[in-house]
Amino acid sequence: MPQMKDKKWEVLDNSESVVENRIAIEVIKCDIQALKSSTNVHNKKTDREFESLHKKIDQIDGRLWWFAGIIIVATVGPLLAGLVG
């Protein structure tokens, strides 16, 4: 008879641990969902910031090309004028 009592307690212990594990799994799932949603919000914000920076860099790049063109024309123009004239 003592063997039966031990097995009964073992079954109860297992069912309690199963319930505890299920609760822990649900908590972990909720934490994962919270992390995913906050990560998605952060990623969207970061993408917007990178897009803004990309536009600003393109503007600066265009201005630098104009500046480089002016320097080249100012340097090569008098050389060509001296050869022709």
PDB file of N, CA and C in Angstrom:
ATOM      1  N   MET A   1       0.794  -1.210   0.000  1.00  0.00           N
ATOM      2  CA  MET A   1       0.000   0.000   0.000  1.00  0.00           C
ATOM      3  C   MET A   1       0.837   1.275   0.000  1.00  0.00           C
ATOM      4  N   PRO A   2       1.969   1.365   0.655  1.00  0.00           N
ATOM      5  CA  PRO A   2       2.766   2.580   0.610  1.00  0.00           C
ATOM      6  C   PRO A   2       3.220   2.935  -0.802  1.00  0.00           C
ATOM      7  N   GLN A   3       3.415   1.901  -1.628  1.00  0.00           N
ATOM      8  CA  GLN A   3       3.838   2.199  -2.990  1.00  0.00           C
ATOM      9  C   GLN A   3       2.768   2.994  -3.742  1.00  0.00           C
ATOM     10  N   MET A   4       1.513   2.673  -3.491  1.00  0.00           N
ATOM     11  CA  MET A   4       0.420   3.376  -4.146  1.00  0.00           C
ATOM     12  C   MET A   4       0.377   4.843  -3.724  1.00  0.00           C
ATOM     13  N   LYS A   5       0.592   5.118  -2.454  1.00  0.00           N
ATOM     14  CA  LYS A   5       0.599   6.504  -1.981  1.00  0.00           C
ATOM     15  C   LYS A   5       1.730   7.295  -2.636  1.00  0.00           C
ATOM     16  N   ASP A   6       2.900   6.671  -2.740  1.00  0.00           N
ATOM     17  CA  ASP A   6       4.017   7.355  -3.381  1.00  0.00           C
ATOM     18  C   ASP A   6       3.689   7.707  -4.823  1.00  0.00           C
ATOM     19  N   LYS A   7       3.077   6.799  -5.531  1.00  0.00           N
ATOM     20  CA  LYS A   7       2.724   7.058  -6.925  1.00  0.00           C
ATOM     21  C   LYS A   7       1.655   8.140  -7.029  1.00  0.00           C
ATOM     22  N   LYS A   8       0.713   8.140  -6.085  1.00  0.00           N
ATOM     23  CA  LYS A   8      -0.315   9.173  -6.098  1.00  0.00           C
ATOM     24  C   LYS A   8       0.309  10.552  -5.910  1.00  0.00           C
ATOM     25  N   TRP A   9       1.233  10.689  -4.985  1.00  0.00           N
ATOM     26  CA  TRP A   9       1.911  11.960  -4.770  1.00  0.00           C
ATOM     27  C   TRP A   9       2.733  12.343  -5.992  1.00  0.00           C
ATOM     28  N   GLU A  10       3.322  11.339  -6.604  1.00  0.00           N
ATOM     29  CA  GLU A  10       4.122  11.617  -7.802  1.00  0.00           C
ATOM     30  C   GLU A  10       3.241  12.175  -8.907  1.00  0.00           C
ATOM     31  N   VAL A  11       2.055  11.610  -9.068  1.00  0.00           N
ATOM     32  CA  VAL A  11       1.123  12.102 -10.082  1.00  0.00           C
ATOM     33  C   VAL A  11       0.699  13.527  -9.759  1.00  0.00           C
ATOM     34  N   LEU A  12       0.400  13.805  -8.506  1.00  0.00           N
ATOM     35  CA  LEU A  12       0.024  15.162  -8.123  1.00  0.00           C
ATOM     36  C   LEU A  12       1.169  16.130  -8.348  1.00  0.00           C
ATOM     37  N   ASP A  13       2.374  15.719  -7.995  1.00  0.00           N
ATOM     38  CA  ASP A  13       3.531  16.579  -8.216  1.00  0.00           C
ATOM     39  C   ASP A  13       3.715  16.856  -9.700  1.00  0.00           C
ATOM     40  N   ASN A  14       3.531  15.837 -10.514  1.00  0.00           N
ATOM     41  CA  ASN A  14       3.683  16.027 -11.958  1.00  0.00           C
ATOM     42  C   ASN A  14       2.623  16.967 -12.504  1.00  0.00           C
ATOM     43  N   SER A  15       1.390  16.816 -12.046  1.00  0.00           N
ATOM     44  CA  SER A  15       0.341  17.685 -12.575  1.00  0.00           C
ATOM     45  C   SER A  15       0.563  19.129 -12.120  1.00  0.00           C
ATOM     46  N   GLU A  16       1.037  19.326 -10.913  1.00  0.00           N
ATOM     47  CA  GLU A  16       1.341  20.678 -10.452  1.00  0.00           C
ATOM     48  C   GLU A  16       2.489  21.280 -11.255  1.00  0.00           C
ATOM     49  N   SER A  17       3.489  20.465 -11.526  1.00  0.00           N
ATOM     50  CA  SER A  17       4.613  20.987 -12.305  1.00  0.00           C
ATOM     51  C   SER A  17       4.189  21.278 -13.743  1.00  0.00           C
ATOM     52  N   VAL A  18       3.258  20.472 -14.263  1.00  0.00           N
ATOM     53  CA  VAL A  18       2.750  20.736 -15.610  1.00  0.00           C
ATOM     54  C   VAL A  18       2.012  22.073 -15.639  1.00  0.00           C
ATOM     55  N   VAL A  19       1.198  22.317 -14.633  1.00  0.00           N
ATOM     56  CA  VAL A  19       0.474  23.591 -14.560  1.00  0.00           C
ATOM     57  C   VAL A  19       1.456  24.744 -14.421  1.00  0.00           C
ATOM     58  N   GLU A  20       2.450  24.585 -13.570  1.00  0.00           N
ATOM     59  CA  GLU A  20       3.457  25.635 -13.403  1.00  0.00           C
ATOM     60  C   GLU A  20       4.209  25.878 -14.708  1.00  0.00           C
ATOM     61  N   ASN A  21       4.530  24.791 -15.404  1.00  0.00           N
ATOM     62  CA  ASN A  21       5.233  24.935 -16.688  1.00  0.00           C
ATOM     63  C   ASN A  21       4.359  25.633 -17.716  1.00  0.00           C
ATOM     64  N   ARG A  22       3.066  25.300 -17.738  1.00  0.00           N
ATOM     65  CA  ARG A  22       2.160  25.964 -18.678  1.00  0.00           C
ATOM     66  C   ARG A  22       2.062  27.454 -18.387  1.00  0.00           C
ATOM     67  N   ILE A  23       1.977  27.790 -17.113  1.00  0.00           N
ATOM     68  CA  ILE A  23       1.925  29.204 -16.733  1.00  0.00           C
ATOM     69  C   ILE A  23       3.211  29.903 -17.142  1.00  0.00           C
ATOM     70  N   ALA A  24       4.354  29.261 -16.890  1.00  0.00           N
ATOM     71  CA  ALA A  24       5.644  29.848 -17.260  1.00  0.00           C
ATOM     72  C   ALA A  24       5.741  30.029 -18.770  1.00  0.00           C
ATOM     73  N   ILE A  25       5.230  29.054 -19.510  1.00  0.00           N
ATOM     74  CA  ILE A  25       5.266  29.145 -20.976  1.00  0.00           C
ATOM     75  C   ILE A  25       4.404  30.304 -21.450  1.00  0.00           C
ATOM     76  N   GLU A  26       3.240  30.483 -20.873  1.00  0.00           N
ATOM     77  CA  GLU A  26       2.365  31.595 -21.264  1.00  0.00           C
ATOM     78  C   GLU A  26       3.006  32.943 -20.942  1.00  0.00           C
ATOM     79  N   VAL A  27       3.662  33.027 -19.794  1.00  0.00           N
ATOM     80  CA  VAL A  27       4.355  34.270 -19.428  1.00  0.00           C
ATOM     81  C   VAL A  27       5.473  34.558 -20.423  1.00  0.00           C
ATOM     82  N   ILE A  28       6.213  33.526 -20.772  1.00  0.00           N
ATOM     83  CA  ILE A  28       7.311  33.695 -21.740  1.00  0.00           C
ATOM     84  C   ILE A  28       6.755  34.117 -23.097  1.00  0.00           C
ATOM     85  N   LYS A  29       5.641  33.513 -23.516  1.00  0.00           N
ATOM     86  CA  LYS A  29       5.031  33.897 -24.794  1.00  0.00           C
ATOM     87  C   LYS A  29       4.623  35.374 -24.780  1.00  0.00           C
ATOM     88  N   CYS A  30       4.042  35.817 -23.664  1.00  0.00           N
ATOM     89  CA  CYS A  30       3.644  37.226 -23.561  1.00  0.00           C
ATOM     90  C   CYS A  30       4.870  38.141 -23.606  1.00  0.00           C
ATOM     91  N   ASP A  31       5.937  37.736 -22.935  1.00  0.00           N
ATOM     92  CA  ASP A  31       7.174  38.525 -22.958  1.00  0.00           C
ATOM     93  C   ASP A  31       7.745  38.600 -24.364  1.00  0.00           C
ATOM     94  N   ILE A  32       7.708  37.487 -25.082  1.00  0.00           N
ATOM     95  CA  ILE A  32       8.223  37.464 -26.459  1.00  0.00           C
ATOM     96  C   ILE A  32       7.396  38.386 -27.341  1.00  0.00           C
ATOM     97  N   GLN A  33       6.063  38.347 -27.192  1.00  0.00           N
ATOM     98  CA  GLN A  33       5.199  39.234 -27.969  1.00  0.00           C
ATOM     99  C   GLN A  33       5.489  40.696 -27.661  1.00  0.00           C
ATOM    100  N   ALA A  34       5.690  40.999 -26.380  1.00  0.00           N
ATOM    101  CA  ALA A  34       5.997  42.379 -25.995  1.00  0.00           C
ATOM    102  C   ALA A  34       7.320  42.822 -26.606  1.00  0.00           C
ATOM    103  N   LEU A  35       8.317  41.948 -26.574  1.00  0.00           N
ATOM    104  CA  LEU A  35       9.610  42.281 -27.172  1.00  0.00           C
ATOM    105  C   LEU A  35       9.491  42.476 -28.676  1.00  0.00           C
ATOM    106  N   LYS A  36       8.716  41.613 -29.332  1.00  0.00           N
ATOM    107  CA  LYS A  36       8.540  41.743 -30.779  1.00  0.00           C
ATOM    108  C   LYS A  36       7.877  43.065 -31.132  1.00  0.00           C
ATOM    109  N   SER A  37       6.835  43.422 -30.395  1.00  0.00           N
ATOM    110  CA  SER A  37       6.130  44.662 -30.730  1.00  0.00           C
ATOM    111  C   SER A  37       7.005  45.880 -30.460  1.00  0.00           C
ATOM    112  N   SER A  38       7.735  45.885 -29.348  1.00  0.00           N
ATOM    113  CA  SER A  38       8.600  47.029 -29.065  1.00  0.00           C
ATOM    114  C   SER A  38       9.759  47.087 -30.055  1.00  0.00           C
ATOM    115  N   THR A  39      10.243  45.922 -30.481  1.00  0.00           N
ATOM    116  CA  THR A  39      11.318  45.888 -31.479  1.00  0.00           C
ATOM    117  C   THR A  39      10.814  46.411 -32.814  1.00  0.00           C
ATOM    118  N   ASN A  40       9.589  46.034 -33.197  1.00  0.00           N
ATOM    119  CA  ASN A  40       9.032  46.526 -34.456  1.00  0.00           C
ATOM    120  C   ASN A  40       8.857  48.035 -34.428  1.00  0.00           C
ATOM    121  N   VAL A  41       8.395  48.575 -33.321  1.00  0.00           N
ATOM    122  CA  VAL A  41       8.241  50.025 -33.192  1.00  0.00           C
ATOM    123  C   VAL A  41       9.604  50.694 -33.303  1.00  0.00           C
ATOM    124  N   HIS A  42      10.587  50.130 -32.613  1.00  0.00           N
ATOM    125  CA  HIS A  42      11.939  50.692 -32.661  1.00  0.00           C
ATOM    126  C   HIS A  42      12.504  50.613 -34.075  1.00  0.00           C
ATOM    127  N   ASN A  43      12.301  49.479 -34.752  1.00  0.00           N
ATOM    128  CA  ASN A  43      12.820  49.320 -36.116  1.00  0.00           C
ATOM    129  C   ASN A  43      12.173  50.316 -37.074  1.00  0.00           C
ATOM    130  N   LYS A  44      10.869  50.549 -36.925  1.00  0.00           N
ATOM    131  CA  LYS A  44      10.204  51.518 -37.794  1.00  0.00           C
ATOM    132  C   LYS A  44      10.747  52.918 -37.564  1.00  0.00           C
ATOM    133  N   LYS A  45      10.966  53.265 -36.302  1.00  0.00           N
ATOM    134  CA  LYS A  45      11.514  54.584 -35.984  1.00  0.00           C
ATOM    135  C   LYS A  45      12.927  54.722 -36.550  1.00  0.00           C
ATOM    136  N   THR A  46      13.726  53.686 -36.386  1.00  0.00           N
ATOM    137  CA  THR A  46      15.092  53.703 -36.897  1.00  0.00           C
ATOM    138  C   THR A  46      15.096  53.802 -38.423  1.00  0.00           C
ATOM    139  N   ASP A  47      14.187  53.083 -39.090  1.00  0.00           N
ATOM    140  CA  ASP A  47      14.099  53.158 -40.549  1.00  0.00           C
ATOM    141  C   ASP A  47      13.763  54.572 -41.005  1.00  0.00           C
ATOM    142  N   ARG A  48      12.835  55.225 -40.302  1.00  0.00           N
ATOM    143  CA  ARG A  48      12.496  56.614 -40.656  1.00  0.00           C
ATOM    144  C   ARG A  48      13.696  57.535 -40.475  1.00  0.00           C
ATOM    145  N   GLU A  49      14.447  57.331 -39.394  1.00  0.00           N
ATOM    146  CA  GLU A  49      15.623  58.167 -39.151  1.00  0.00           C
ATOM    147  C   GLU A  49      16.680  57.942 -40.231  1.00  0.00           C
ATOM    148  N   PHE A  50      16.898  56.685 -40.619  1.00  0.00           N
ATOM    149  CA  PHE A  50      17.876  56.400 -41.669  1.00  0.00           C
ATOM    150  C   PHE A  50      17.442  56.984 -43.004  1.00  0.00           C
ATOM    151  N   GLU A  51      16.149  56.936 -43.293  1.00  0.00           N
ATOM    152  CA  GLU A  51      15.648  57.521 -44.539  1.00  0.00           C
ATOM    153  C   GLU A  51      15.888  59.027 -44.556  1.00  0.00           C
ATOM    154  N   SER A  52      15.659  59.676 -43.429  1.00  0.00           N
ATOM    155  CA  SER A  52      15.900  61.115 -43.318  1.00  0.00           C
ATOM    156  C   SER A  52      17.380  61.426 -43.509  1.00  0.00           C
ATOM    157  N   LEU A  53      18.231  60.642 -42.861  1.00  0.00           N
ATOM    158  CA  LEU A  53      19.671  60.844 -43.021  1.00  0.00           C
ATOM    159  C   LEU A  53      20.105  60.602 -44.462  1.00  0.00           C
ATOM    160  N   HIS A  54      19.511  59.606 -45.104  1.00  0.00           N
ATOM    161  CA  HIS A  54      19.863  59.291 -46.488  1.00  0.00           C
ATOM    162  C   HIS A  54      19.534  60.482 -47.399  1.00  0.00           C
ATOM    163  N   LYS A  55      18.379  61.100 -47.188  1.00  0.00           N
ATOM    164  CA  LYS A  55      18.002  62.272 -47.991  1.00  0.00           C
ATOM    165  C   LYS A  55      18.979  63.422 -47.766  1.00  0.00           C
ATOM    166  N   LYS A  56      19.353  63.641 -46.510  1.00  0.00           N
ATOM    167  CA  LYS A  56      20.287  64.731 -46.200  1.00  0.00           C
ATOM    168  C   LYS A  56      21.655  64.467 -46.824  1.00  0.00           C
ATOM    169  N   ILE A  57      22.104  63.226 -46.782  1.00  0.00           N
ATOM    170  CA  ILE A  57      23.396  62.880 -47.379  1.00  0.00           C
ATOM    171  C   ILE A  57      23.347  63.072 -48.887  1.00  0.00           C
ATOM    172  N   ASP A  58      22.225  62.704 -49.513  1.00  0.00           N
ATOM    173  CA  ASP A  58      22.091  62.926 -50.955  1.00  0.00           C
ATOM    174  C   ASP A  58      22.158  64.411 -51.299  1.00  0.00           C
ATOM    175  N   GLN A  59      21.536  65.251 -50.477  1.00  0.00           N
ATOM    176  CA  GLN A  59      21.597  66.701 -50.715  1.00  0.00           C
ATOM    177  C   GLN A  59      23.025  67.205 -50.594  1.00  0.00           C
ATOM    178  N   ILE A  60      23.719  66.760 -49.561  1.00  0.00           N
ATOM    179  CA  ILE A  60      25.109  67.182 -49.366  1.00  0.00           C
ATOM    180  C   ILE A  60      25.975  66.680 -50.514  1.00  0.00           C
ATOM    181  N   ASP A  61      25.720  65.458 -50.964  1.00  0.00           N
ATOM    182  CA  ASP A  61      26.485  64.884 -52.068  1.00  0.00           C
ATOM    183  C   ASP A  61      26.302  65.718 -53.337  1.00  0.00           C
ATOM    184  N   GLY A  62      25.080  66.106 -53.619  1.00  0.00           N
ATOM    185  CA  GLY A  62      24.821  66.952 -54.794  1.00  0.00           C
ATOM    186  C   GLY A  62      25.544  68.285 -54.702  1.00  0.00           C
ATOM    187  N   ARG A  63      25.510  68.890 -53.529  1.00  0.00           N
ATOM    188  CA  ARG A  63      26.194  70.173 -53.344  1.00  0.00           C
ATOM    189  C   ARG A  63      27.701  70.026 -53.513  1.00  0.00           C
ATOM    190  N   LEU A  64      28.262  68.934 -53.022  1.00  0.00           N
ATOM    191  CA  LEU A  64      29.705  68.723 -53.170  1.00  0.00           C
ATOM    192  C   LEU A  64      30.084  68.531 -54.635  1.00  0.00           C
ATOM    193  N   TRP A  65      29.236  67.843 -55.413  1.00  0.00           N
ATOM    194  CA  TRP A  65      29.535  67.681 -56.837  1.00  0.00           C
ATOM    195  C   TRP A  65      29.511  69.027 -57.554  1.00  0.00           C
ATOM    196  N   TRP A  66      28.541  69.882 -57.201  1.00  0.00           N
ATOM    197  CA  TRP A  66      28.515  71.226 -57.793  1.00  0.00           C
ATOM    198  C   TRP A  66      29.778  71.994 -57.425  1.00  0.00           C
ATOM    199  N   PHE A  67      30.174  71.921 -56.180  1.00  0.00           N
ATOM    200  CA  PHE A  67      31.378  72.603 -55.720  1.00  0.00           C
ATOM    201  C   PHE A  67      32.613  72.074 -56.448  1.00  0.00           C
ATOM    202  N   ALA A  68      32.700  70.748 -56.588  1.00  0.00           N
ATOM    203  CA  ALA A  68      33.835  70.152 -57.313  1.00  0.00           C
ATOM    204  C   ALA A  68      33.835  70.598 -58.770  1.00  0.00           C
ATOM    205  N   GLY A  69      32.657  70.670 -59.371  1.00  0.00           N
ATOM    206  CA  GLY A  69      32.563  71.128 -60.768  1.00  0.00           C
ATOM    207  C   GLY A  69      33.028  72.558 -60.924  1.00  0.00           C
ATOM    208  N   ILE A  70      32.651  73.421 -59.993  1.00  0.00           N
ATOM    209  CA  ILE A  70      33.074  74.829 -60.049  1.00  0.00           C
ATOM    210  C   ILE A  70      34.584  74.934 -59.911  1.00  0.00           C
ATOM    211  N   ILE A  71      35.170  74.158 -59.018  1.00  0.00           N
ATOM    212  CA  ILE A  71      36.624  74.182 -58.837  1.00  0.00           C
ATOM    213  C   ILE A  71      37.325  73.699 -60.107  1.00  0.00           C
ATOM    214  N   ILE A  72      36.797  72.653 -60.719  1.00  0.00           N
ATOM    215  CA  ILE A  72      37.415  72.122 -61.943  1.00  0.00           C
ATOM    216  C   ILE A  72      37.322  73.140 -63.075  1.00  0.00           C
ATOM    217  N   VAL A  73      36.158  73.736 -63.237  1.00  0.00           N
ATOM    218  CA  VAL A  73      35.988  74.744 -64.294  1.00  0.00           C
ATOM    219  C   VAL A  73      36.893  75.948 -64.037  1.00  0.00           C
ATOM    220  N   ALA A  74      37.006  76.380 -62.773  1.00  0.00           N
ATOM    221  CA  ALA A  74      37.847  77.526 -62.456  1.00  0.00           C
ATOM    222  C   ALA A  74      39.319  77.208 -62.672  1.00  0.00           C
ATOM    223  N   THR A  75      39.687  75.957 -62.550  1.00  0.00           N
ATOM    224  CA  THR A  75      41.091  75.580 -62.745  1.00  0.00           C
ATOM    225  C   THR A  75      41.402  75.324 -64.213  1.00  0.00           C
ATOM    226  N   VAL A  76      40.535  74.591 -64.892  1.00  0.00           N
ATOM    227  CA  VAL A  76      40.802  74.180 -66.279  1.00  0.00           C
ATOM    228  C   VAL A  76      40.483  75.321 -67.252  1.00  0.00           C
ATOM    229  N   GLY A  77      39.512  76.160 -66.931  1.00  0.00           N
ATOM    230  CA  GLY A  77      39.121  77.261 -67.822  1.00  0.00           C
ATOM    231  C   GLY A  77      40.278  78.182 -68.189  1.00  0.00           C
ATOM    232  N   PRO A  78      41.006  78.728 -67.212  1.00  0.00           N
ATOM    233  CA  PRO A  78      42.123  79.607 -67.561  1.00  0.00           C
ATOM    234  C   PRO A  78      43.250  78.857 -68.304  1.00  0.00           C
ATOM    235  N   LEU A  79      43.440  77.579 -68.007  1.00  0.00           N
ATOM    236  CA  LEU A  79      44.459  76.823 -68.743  1.00  0.00           C
ATOM    237  C   LEU A  79      44.086  76.705 -70.216  1.00  0.00           C
ATOM    238  N   LEU A  80      42.822  76.386 -70.479  1.00  0.00           N
ATOM    239  CA  LEU A  80      42.375  76.269 -71.857  1.00  0.00           C
ATOM    240  C   LEU A  80      42.394  77.641 -72.554  1.00  0.00           C
ATOM    241  N   ALA A  81      42.053  78.688 -71.833  1.00  0.00           N
ATOM    242  CA  ALA A  81      42.082  80.041 -72.414  1.00  0.00           C
ATOM    243  C   ALA A  81      43.515  80.436 -72.763  1.00  0.00           C
ATOM    244  N   GLY A  82      44.462  80.001 -71.941  1.00  0.00           N
ATOM    245  CA  GLY A  82      45.864  80.317 -72.223  1.00  0.00           C
ATOM    246  C   GLY A  82      46.383  79.557 -73.435  1.00  0.00           C
ATOM    247  N   LEU A  83      45.913  78.352 -73.655  1.00  0.00           N
ATOM    248  CA  LEU A  83      46.336  77.568 -74.817  1.00  0.00           C
ATOM    249  C   LEU A  83      45.740  78.119 -76.108  1.00  0.00           C
ATOM    250  N   VAL A  84      44.509  78.557 -76.050  1.00  0.00           N
ATOM    251  CA  VAL A  84      43.829  79.059 -77.238  1.00  0.00           C
ATOM    252  C   VAL A  84      44.325  80.469 -77.592  1.00  0.00           C
ATOM    253  N   GLY A  85      44.541  81.266 -76.572  1.00  0.00           N
ATOM    254  CA  GLY A  85      44.801  82.672 -76.810  1.00  0.00           C
ATOM    255  C   GLY A  85      46.206  83.009 -76.973  1.00  0.00           C
TER     256      GLY A  85
END
